[in-house]
Amino acid sequence: GNIHADLRVSLSWFNKDDLDLHAISPYGHIYFREKMGILDVDMNAGSGHTRNPVENLAFLKPKSGLYQIYVNQFCRREEREG
């Protein structure tokens, strides 16, 4: 993904769960359905499952304003005990 940006938010996790990175921003709601050229990929969605997923929000020239970032656990696929 694009990691060279003036403002970047990255999410990485270590199982096959489907987590979704969201941003409420001056651009609108950025997420897997509305990537707006800012969210690079929607990892572990559908049939592709990896234990090393990463999602990035890359704002090349970020607009002034409030940025709210959150993560939604869309689908839990694995559980760890202990």
PDB file of N, CA and C in Angstrom:
ATOM      1  N   GLY A   1       0.818  -1.195   0.000  1.00  0.00           N
ATOM      2  CA  GLY A   1       0.000   0.000   0.000  1.00  0.00           C
ATOM      3  C   GLY A   1       0.855   1.249   0.000  1.00  0.00           C
ATOM      4  N   ASN A   2       0.191   2.364  -0.096  1.00  0.00           N
ATOM      5  CA  ASN A   2       0.882   3.644  -0.120  1.00  0.00           C
ATOM      6  C   ASN A   2       1.235   4.063   1.305  1.00  0.00           C
ATOM      7  N   ILE A   3       2.511   4.045   1.619  1.00  0.00           N
ATOM      8  CA  ILE A   3       2.938   4.464   2.953  1.00  0.00           C
ATOM      9  C   ILE A   3       3.648   5.811   2.915  1.00  0.00           C
ATOM     10  N   HIS A   4       3.795   6.392   1.741  1.00  0.00           N
ATOM     11  CA  HIS A   4       4.452   7.686   1.596  1.00  0.00           C
ATOM     12  C   HIS A   4       3.377   8.748   1.449  1.00  0.00           C
ATOM     13  N   ALA A   5       2.993   9.346   2.575  1.00  0.00           N
ATOM     14  CA  ALA A   5       1.939  10.347   2.579  1.00  0.00           C
ATOM     15  C   ALA A   5       2.213  11.341   3.690  1.00  0.00           C
ATOM     16  N   ASP A   6       1.609  12.510   3.589  1.00  0.00           N
ATOM     17  CA  ASP A   6       1.767  13.516   4.634  1.00  0.00           C
ATOM     18  C   ASP A   6       1.074  13.096   5.926  1.00  0.00           C
ATOM     19  N   LEU A   7      -0.023  12.342   5.801  1.00  0.00           N
ATOM     20  CA  LEU A   7      -0.728  11.781   6.953  1.00  0.00           C
ATOM     21  C   LEU A   7      -1.067  10.342   6.617  1.00  0.00           C
ATOM     22  N   ARG A   8      -0.605   9.410   7.465  1.00  0.00           N
ATOM     23  CA  ARG A   8      -0.862   7.997   7.214  1.00  0.00           C
ATOM     24  C   ARG A   8      -1.333   7.336   8.497  1.00  0.00           C
ATOM     25  N   VAL A   9      -2.353   6.478   8.350  1.00  0.00           N
ATOM     26  CA  VAL A   9      -2.842   5.655   9.449  1.00  0.00           C
ATOM     27  C   VAL A   9      -2.747   4.212   8.989  1.00  0.00           C
ATOM     28  N   SER A  10      -2.085   3.366   9.778  1.00  0.00           N
ATOM     29  CA  SER A  10      -1.931   1.954   9.405  1.00  0.00           C
ATOM     30  C   SER A  10      -2.512   1.068  10.490  1.00  0.00           C
ATOM     31  N   LEU A  11      -3.137  -0.007  10.048  1.00  0.00           N
ATOM     32  CA  LEU A  11      -3.685  -1.019  10.941  1.00  0.00           C
ATOM     33  C   LEU A  11      -3.087  -2.349  10.526  1.00  0.00           C
ATOM     34  N   SER A  12      -2.485  -3.048  11.482  1.00  0.00           N
ATOM     35  CA  SER A  12      -2.008  -4.411  11.216  1.00  0.00           C
ATOM     36  C   SER A  12      -2.456  -5.282  12.376  1.00  0.00           C
ATOM     37  N   TRP A  13      -2.719  -6.529  12.054  1.00  0.00           N
ATOM     38  CA  TRP A  13      -3.124  -7.486  13.075  1.00  0.00           C
ATOM     39  C   TRP A  13      -2.603  -8.858  12.691  1.00  0.00           C
ATOM     40  N   PHE A  14      -2.766  -9.843  13.584  1.00  0.00           N
ATOM     41  CA  PHE A  14      -2.053 -11.102  13.413  1.00  0.00           C
ATOM     42  C   PHE A  14      -2.964 -12.312  13.490  1.00  0.00           C
ATOM     43  N   ASN A  15      -4.107 -12.227  12.822  1.00  0.00           N
ATOM     44  CA  ASN A  15      -4.977 -13.395  12.674  1.00  0.00           C
ATOM     45  C   ASN A  15      -5.828 -13.205  11.420  1.00  0.00           C
ATOM     46  N   LYS A  16      -6.720 -14.132  11.146  1.00  0.00           N
ATOM     47  CA  LYS A  16      -7.512 -14.101   9.914  1.00  0.00           C
ATOM     48  C   LYS A  16      -8.841 -13.356  10.068  1.00  0.00           C
ATOM     49  N   ASP A  17      -9.034 -12.672  11.197  1.00  0.00           N
ATOM     50  CA  ASP A  17     -10.238 -11.868  11.367  1.00  0.00           C
ATOM     51  C   ASP A  17     -10.311 -10.795  10.283  1.00  0.00           C
ATOM     52  N   ASP A  18     -11.522 -10.360   9.982  1.00  0.00           N
ATOM     53  CA  ASP A  18     -11.736  -9.265   9.032  1.00  0.00           C
ATOM     54  C   ASP A  18     -11.987  -7.995   9.840  1.00  0.00           C
ATOM     55  N   LEU A  19     -10.938  -7.185   9.990  1.00  0.00           N
ATOM     56  CA  LEU A  19     -11.044  -5.882  10.636  1.00  0.00           C
ATOM     57  C   LEU A  19     -11.131  -4.815   9.554  1.00  0.00           C
ATOM     58  N   ASP A  20     -11.895  -3.785   9.806  1.00  0.00           N
ATOM     59  CA  ASP A  20     -12.060  -2.708   8.826  1.00  0.00           C
ATOM     60  C   ASP A  20     -11.641  -1.376   9.426  1.00  0.00           C
ATOM     61  N   LEU A  21     -10.717  -0.698   8.756  1.00  0.00           N
ATOM     62  CA  LEU A  21     -10.246   0.617   9.140  1.00  0.00           C
ATOM     63  C   LEU A  21     -11.192   1.664   8.569  1.00  0.00           C
ATOM     64  N   HIS A  22     -11.645   2.588   9.412  1.00  0.00           N
ATOM     65  CA  HIS A  22     -12.571   3.649   9.007  1.00  0.00           C
ATOM     66  C   HIS A  22     -11.989   5.009   9.366  1.00  0.00           C
ATOM     67  N   ALA A  23     -12.359   6.026   8.604  1.00  0.00           N
ATOM     68  CA  ALA A  23     -12.038   7.413   8.941  1.00  0.00           C
ATOM     69  C   ALA A  23     -13.254   8.274   8.635  1.00  0.00           C
ATOM     70  N   ILE A  24     -13.641   9.082   9.600  1.00  0.00           N
ATOM     71  CA  ILE A  24     -14.601  10.153   9.367  1.00  0.00           C
ATOM     72  C   ILE A  24     -13.732  11.392   9.235  1.00  0.00           C
ATOM     73  N   SER A  25     -13.783  12.030   8.089  1.00  0.00           N
ATOM     74  CA  SER A  25     -12.809  13.078   7.789  1.00  0.00           C
ATOM     75  C   SER A  25     -13.458  14.192   6.956  1.00  0.00           C
ATOM     76  N   PRO A  26     -12.709  15.252   6.679  1.00  0.00           N
ATOM     77  CA  PRO A  26     -13.228  16.286   5.782  1.00  0.00           C
ATOM     78  C   PRO A  26     -13.581  15.754   4.389  1.00  0.00           C
ATOM     79  N   TYR A  27     -13.077  14.587   4.026  1.00  0.00           N
ATOM     80  CA  TYR A  27     -13.395  13.963   2.738  1.00  0.00           C
ATOM     81  C   TYR A  27     -14.708  13.186   2.792  1.00  0.00           C
ATOM     82  N   GLY A  28     -15.194  12.888   3.995  1.00  0.00           N
ATOM     83  CA  GLY A  28     -16.367  12.046   4.189  1.00  0.00           C
ATOM     84  C   GLY A  28     -15.974  10.790   4.943  1.00  0.00           C
ATOM     85  N   HIS A  29     -16.834   9.785   4.883  1.00  0.00           N
ATOM     86  CA  HIS A  29     -16.592   8.503   5.557  1.00  0.00           C
ATOM     87  C   HIS A  29     -15.798   7.610   4.616  1.00  0.00           C
ATOM     88  N   ILE A  30     -14.581   7.311   4.994  1.00  0.00           N
ATOM     89  CA  ILE A  30     -13.688   6.464   4.205  1.00  0.00           C
ATOM     90  C   ILE A  30     -13.666   5.084   4.852  1.00  0.00           C
ATOM     91  N   TYR A  31     -13.984   4.071   4.060  1.00  0.00           N
ATOM     92  CA  TYR A  31     -13.990   2.681   4.542  1.00  0.00           C
ATOM     93  C   TYR A  31     -14.030   1.773   3.331  1.00  0.00           C
ATOM     94  N   PHE A  32     -14.214   0.457   3.532  1.00  0.00           N
ATOM     95  CA  PHE A  32     -14.070  -0.512   2.437  1.00  0.00           C
ATOM     96  C   PHE A  32     -15.000  -0.260   1.255  1.00  0.00           C
ATOM     97  N   ARG A  33     -16.163   0.341   1.455  1.00  0.00           N
ATOM     98  CA  ARG A  33     -17.074   0.631   0.330  1.00  0.00           C
ATOM     99  C   ARG A  33     -16.797   1.967  -0.337  1.00  0.00           C
ATOM    100  N   GLU A  34     -16.161   2.867   0.383  1.00  0.00           N
ATOM    101  CA  GLU A  34     -15.835   4.208  -0.118  1.00  0.00           C
ATOM    102  C   GLU A  34     -14.367   4.490   0.158  1.00  0.00           C
ATOM    103  N   LYS A  35     -13.495   3.896  -0.639  1.00  0.00           N
ATOM    104  CA  LYS A  35     -12.053   4.006  -0.401  1.00  0.00           C
ATOM    105  C   LYS A  35     -11.502   5.377  -0.777  1.00  0.00           C
ATOM    106  N   MET A  36     -12.125   6.049  -1.733  1.00  0.00           N
ATOM    107  CA  MET A  36     -11.780   7.410  -2.152  1.00  0.00           C
ATOM    108  C   MET A  36     -10.317   7.567  -2.551  1.00  0.00           C
ATOM    109  N   GLY A  37      -9.669   6.484  -2.921  1.00  0.00           N
ATOM    110  CA  GLY A  37      -8.258   6.555  -3.270  1.00  0.00           C
ATOM    111  C   GLY A  37      -7.359   6.780  -2.068  1.00  0.00           C
ATOM    112  N   ILE A  38      -7.926   6.674  -0.854  1.00  0.00           N
ATOM    113  CA  ILE A  38      -7.171   6.913   0.378  1.00  0.00           C
ATOM    114  C   ILE A  38      -6.917   5.602   1.117  1.00  0.00           C
ATOM    115  N   LEU A  39      -7.917   4.734   1.205  1.00  0.00           N
ATOM    116  CA  LEU A  39      -7.749   3.401   1.797  1.00  0.00           C
ATOM    117  C   LEU A  39      -7.201   2.487   0.720  1.00  0.00           C
ATOM    118  N   ASP A  40      -6.085   1.805   1.016  1.00  0.00           N
ATOM    119  CA  ASP A  40      -5.451   1.006  -0.029  1.00  0.00           C
ATOM    120  C   ASP A  40      -6.161  -0.314  -0.294  1.00  0.00           C
ATOM    121  N   VAL A  41      -6.389  -1.130   0.727  1.00  0.00           N
ATOM    122  CA  VAL A  41      -7.003  -2.445   0.515  1.00  0.00           C
ATOM    123  C   VAL A  41      -7.911  -2.787   1.685  1.00  0.00           C
ATOM    124  N   ASP A  42      -8.797  -3.729   1.459  1.00  0.00           N
ATOM    125  CA  ASP A  42      -9.650  -4.283   2.513  1.00  0.00           C
ATOM    126  C   ASP A  42      -9.180  -5.715   2.734  1.00  0.00           C
ATOM    127  N   MET A  43      -8.253  -5.897   3.675  1.00  0.00           N
ATOM    128  CA  MET A  43      -7.644  -7.209   3.901  1.00  0.00           C
ATOM    129  C   MET A  43      -8.585  -8.149   4.639  1.00  0.00           C
ATOM    130  N   ASN A  44      -8.449  -9.420   4.325  1.00  0.00           N
ATOM    131  CA  ASN A  44      -9.189 -10.527   4.943  1.00  0.00           C
ATOM    132  C   ASN A  44     -10.694 -10.443   4.698  1.00  0.00           C
ATOM    133  N   ALA A  45     -11.096  -9.723   3.688  1.00  0.00           N
ATOM    134  CA  ALA A  45     -12.502  -9.700   3.280  1.00  0.00           C
ATOM    135  C   ALA A  45     -12.715 -10.790   2.230  1.00  0.00           C
ATOM    136  N   GLY A  46     -13.907 -11.309   2.150  1.00  0.00           N
ATOM    137  CA  GLY A  46     -14.204 -12.314   1.133  1.00  0.00           C
ATOM    138  C   GLY A  46     -13.385 -13.573   1.318  1.00  0.00           C
ATOM    139  N   SER A  47     -12.732 -13.998   0.243  1.00  0.00           N
ATOM    140  CA  SER A  47     -12.035 -15.283   0.274  1.00  0.00           C
ATOM    141  C   SER A  47     -10.550 -15.180   0.623  1.00  0.00           C
ATOM    142  N   GLY A  48      -9.957 -13.997   0.613  1.00  0.00           N
ATOM    143  CA  GLY A  48      -8.538 -13.877   0.910  1.00  0.00           C
ATOM    144  C   GLY A  48      -8.294 -13.721   2.395  1.00  0.00           C
ATOM    145  N   HIS A  49      -7.590 -14.689   3.000  1.00  0.00           N
ATOM    146  CA  HIS A  49      -7.340 -14.652   4.436  1.00  0.00           C
ATOM    147  C   HIS A  49      -5.853 -14.830   4.704  1.00  0.00           C
ATOM    148  N   THR A  50      -5.261 -13.894   5.432  1.00  0.00           N
ATOM    149  CA  THR A  50      -3.858 -13.968   5.807  1.00  0.00           C
ATOM    150  C   THR A  50      -3.730 -13.678   7.307  1.00  0.00           C
ATOM    151  N   ARG A  51      -2.664 -14.141   7.906  1.00  0.00           N
ATOM    152  CA  ARG A  51      -2.405 -13.838   9.323  1.00  0.00           C
ATOM    153  C   ARG A  51      -1.509 -12.613   9.482  1.00  0.00           C
ATOM    154  N   ASN A  52      -1.182 -11.939   8.395  1.00  0.00           N
ATOM    155  CA  ASN A  52      -0.357 -10.726   8.440  1.00  0.00           C
ATOM    156  C   ASN A  52      -1.003  -9.589   7.648  1.00  0.00           C
ATOM    157  N   PRO A  53      -2.274  -9.287   7.897  1.00  0.00           N
ATOM    158  CA  PRO A  53      -2.942  -8.248   7.122  1.00  0.00           C
ATOM    159  C   PRO A  53      -2.534  -6.834   7.554  1.00  0.00           C
ATOM    160  N   VAL A  54      -2.610  -5.922   6.603  1.00  0.00           N
ATOM    161  CA  VAL A  54      -2.334  -4.506   6.837  1.00  0.00           C
ATOM    162  C   VAL A  54      -3.286  -3.687   5.982  1.00  0.00           C
ATOM    163  N   GLU A  55      -3.843  -2.629   6.565  1.00  0.00           N
ATOM    164  CA  GLU A  55      -4.625  -1.644   5.822  1.00  0.00           C
ATOM    165  C   GLU A  55      -4.044  -0.272   6.119  1.00  0.00           C
ATOM    166  N   ASN A  56      -4.013   0.593   5.106  1.00  0.00           N
ATOM    167  CA  ASN A  56      -3.455   1.932   5.253  1.00  0.00           C
ATOM    168  C   ASN A  56      -4.423   2.988   4.749  1.00  0.00           C
ATOM    169  N   LEU A  57      -4.489   4.087   5.468  1.00  0.00           N
ATOM    170  CA  LEU A  57      -5.125   5.305   4.983  1.00  0.00           C
ATOM    171  C   LEU A  57      -3.984   6.260   4.661  1.00  0.00           C
ATOM    172  N   ALA A  58      -3.904   6.729   3.432  1.00  0.00           N
ATOM    173  CA  ALA A  58      -2.809   7.610   3.031  1.00  0.00           C
ATOM    174  C   ALA A  58      -3.388   8.903   2.463  1.00  0.00           C
ATOM    175  N   PHE A  59      -3.203   9.978   3.209  1.00  0.00           N
ATOM    176  CA  PHE A  59      -3.662  11.300   2.792  1.00  0.00           C
ATOM    177  C   PHE A  59      -2.448  12.065   2.273  1.00  0.00           C
ATOM    178  N   LEU A  60      -2.385  12.274   0.963  1.00  0.00           N
ATOM    179  CA  LEU A  60      -1.214  12.920   0.365  1.00  0.00           C
ATOM    180  C   LEU A  60      -1.128  14.391   0.753  1.00  0.00           C
ATOM    181  N   LYS A  61      -2.199  15.118   0.660  1.00  0.00           N
ATOM    182  CA  LYS A  61      -2.279  16.521   1.067  1.00  0.00           C
ATOM    183  C   LYS A  61      -3.532  16.666   1.917  1.00  0.00           C
ATOM    184  N   PRO A  62      -3.468  16.304   3.196  1.00  0.00           N
ATOM    185  CA  PRO A  62      -4.672  16.275   4.018  1.00  0.00           C
ATOM    186  C   PRO A  62      -5.329  17.644   4.171  1.00  0.00           C
ATOM    187  N   LYS A  63      -6.647  17.644   4.071  1.00  0.00           N
ATOM    188  CA  LYS A  63      -7.423  18.855   4.298  1.00  0.00           C
ATOM    189  C   LYS A  63      -7.428  19.162   5.792  1.00  0.00           C
ATOM    190  N   SER A  64      -7.558  20.435   6.123  1.00  0.00           N
ATOM    191  CA  SER A  64      -7.697  20.828   7.525  1.00  0.00           C
ATOM    192  C   SER A  64      -9.032  20.344   8.050  1.00  0.00           C
ATOM    193  N   GLY A  65      -9.062  19.952   9.308  1.00  0.00           N
ATOM    194  CA  GLY A  65     -10.309  19.518   9.917  1.00  0.00           C
ATOM    195  C   GLY A  65     -10.100  18.377  10.879  1.00  0.00           C
ATOM    196  N   LEU A  66     -11.206  17.831  11.334  1.00  0.00           N
ATOM    197  CA  LEU A  66     -11.210  16.746  12.306  1.00  0.00           C
ATOM    198  C   LEU A  66     -11.145  15.398  11.600  1.00  0.00           C
ATOM    199  N   TYR A  67     -10.292  14.517  12.094  1.00  0.00           N
ATOM    200  CA  TYR A  67     -10.149  13.159  11.580  1.00  0.00           C
ATOM    201  C   TYR A  67     -10.434  12.196  12.722  1.00  0.00           C
ATOM    202  N   GLN A  68     -11.473  11.393  12.574  1.00  0.00           N
ATOM    203  CA  GLN A  68     -11.801  10.374  13.565  1.00  0.00           C
ATOM    204  C   GLN A  68     -11.498   9.020  12.951  1.00  0.00           C
ATOM    205  N   ILE A  69     -10.674   8.243  13.612  1.00  0.00           N
ATOM    206  CA  ILE A  69     -10.241   6.940  13.109  1.00  0.00           C
ATOM    207  C   ILE A  69     -10.790   5.862  14.034  1.00  0.00           C
ATOM    208  N   TYR A  70     -11.359   4.814  13.448  1.00  0.00           N
ATOM    209  CA  TYR A  70     -11.793   3.691  14.271  1.00  0.00           C
ATOM    210  C   TYR A  70     -11.708   2.402  13.486  1.00  0.00           C
ATOM    211  N   VAL A  71     -11.800   1.293  14.215  1.00  0.00           N
ATOM    212  CA  VAL A  71     -11.709  -0.047  13.629  1.00  0.00           C
ATOM    213  C   VAL A  71     -12.982  -0.804  13.966  1.00  0.00           C
ATOM    214  N   ASN A  72     -13.539  -1.484  12.976  1.00  0.00           N
ATOM    215  CA  ASN A  72     -14.706  -2.333  13.160  1.00  0.00           C
ATOM    216  C   ASN A  72     -14.283  -3.791  12.950  1.00  0.00           C
ATOM    217  N   GLN A  73     -14.579  -4.638  13.920  1.00  0.00           N
ATOM    218  CA  GLN A  73     -14.317  -6.065  13.744  1.00  0.00           C
ATOM    219  C   GLN A  73     -15.513  -6.646  12.994  1.00  0.00           C
ATOM    220  N   PHE A  74     -15.381  -6.719  11.682  1.00  0.00           N
ATOM    221  CA  PHE A  74     -16.470  -7.145  10.819  1.00  0.00           C
ATOM    222  C   PHE A  74     -16.757  -8.631  10.953  1.00  0.00           C
ATOM    223  N   CYS A  75     -15.690  -9.448  11.017  1.00  0.00           N
ATOM    224  CA  CYS A  75     -15.875 -10.896  11.104  1.00  0.00           C
ATOM    225  C   CYS A  75     -14.766 -11.511  11.952  1.00  0.00           C
ATOM    226  N   ARG A  76     -15.159 -12.139  13.041  1.00  0.00           N
ATOM    227  CA  ARG A  76     -14.195 -12.844  13.889  1.00  0.00           C
ATOM    228  C   ARG A  76     -14.071 -14.276  13.382  1.00  0.00           C
ATOM    229  N   ARG A  77     -12.851 -14.666  13.030  1.00  0.00           N
ATOM    230  CA  ARG A  77     -12.613 -16.004  12.483  1.00  0.00           C
ATOM    231  C   ARG A  77     -11.762 -16.867  13.396  1.00  0.00           C
ATOM    232  N   GLU A  78     -10.981 -16.250  14.271  1.00  0.00           N
ATOM    233  CA  GLU A  78     -10.069 -17.012  15.121  1.00  0.00           C
ATOM    234  C   GLU A  78     -10.195 -16.551  16.568  1.00  0.00           C
ATOM    235  N   GLU A  79      -9.958 -17.485  17.470  1.00  0.00           N
ATOM    236  CA  GLU A  79      -9.925 -17.175  18.896  1.00  0.00           C
ATOM    237  C   GLU A  79      -8.654 -17.757  19.470  1.00  0.00           C
ATOM    238  N   ARG A  80      -8.045 -17.034  20.360  1.00  0.00           N
ATOM    239  CA  ARG A  80      -6.852 -17.531  21.048  1.00  0.00           C
ATOM    240  C   ARG A  80      -7.175 -17.684  22.505  1.00  0.00           C
ATOM    241  N   GLU A  81      -6.738 -18.796  23.065  1.00  0.00           N
ATOM    242  CA  GLU A  81      -6.941 -19.026  24.489  1.00  0.00           C
ATOM    243  C   GLU A  81      -5.668 -18.695  25.241  1.00  0.00           C
ATOM    244  N   GLY A  82      -5.853 -18.250  26.493  1.00  0.00           N
ATOM    245  CA  GLY A  82      -4.694 -17.987  27.322  1.00  0.00           C
ATOM    246  C   GLY A  82      -4.349 -16.611  27.314  1.00  0.00           C
TER     247      GLY A  82
END
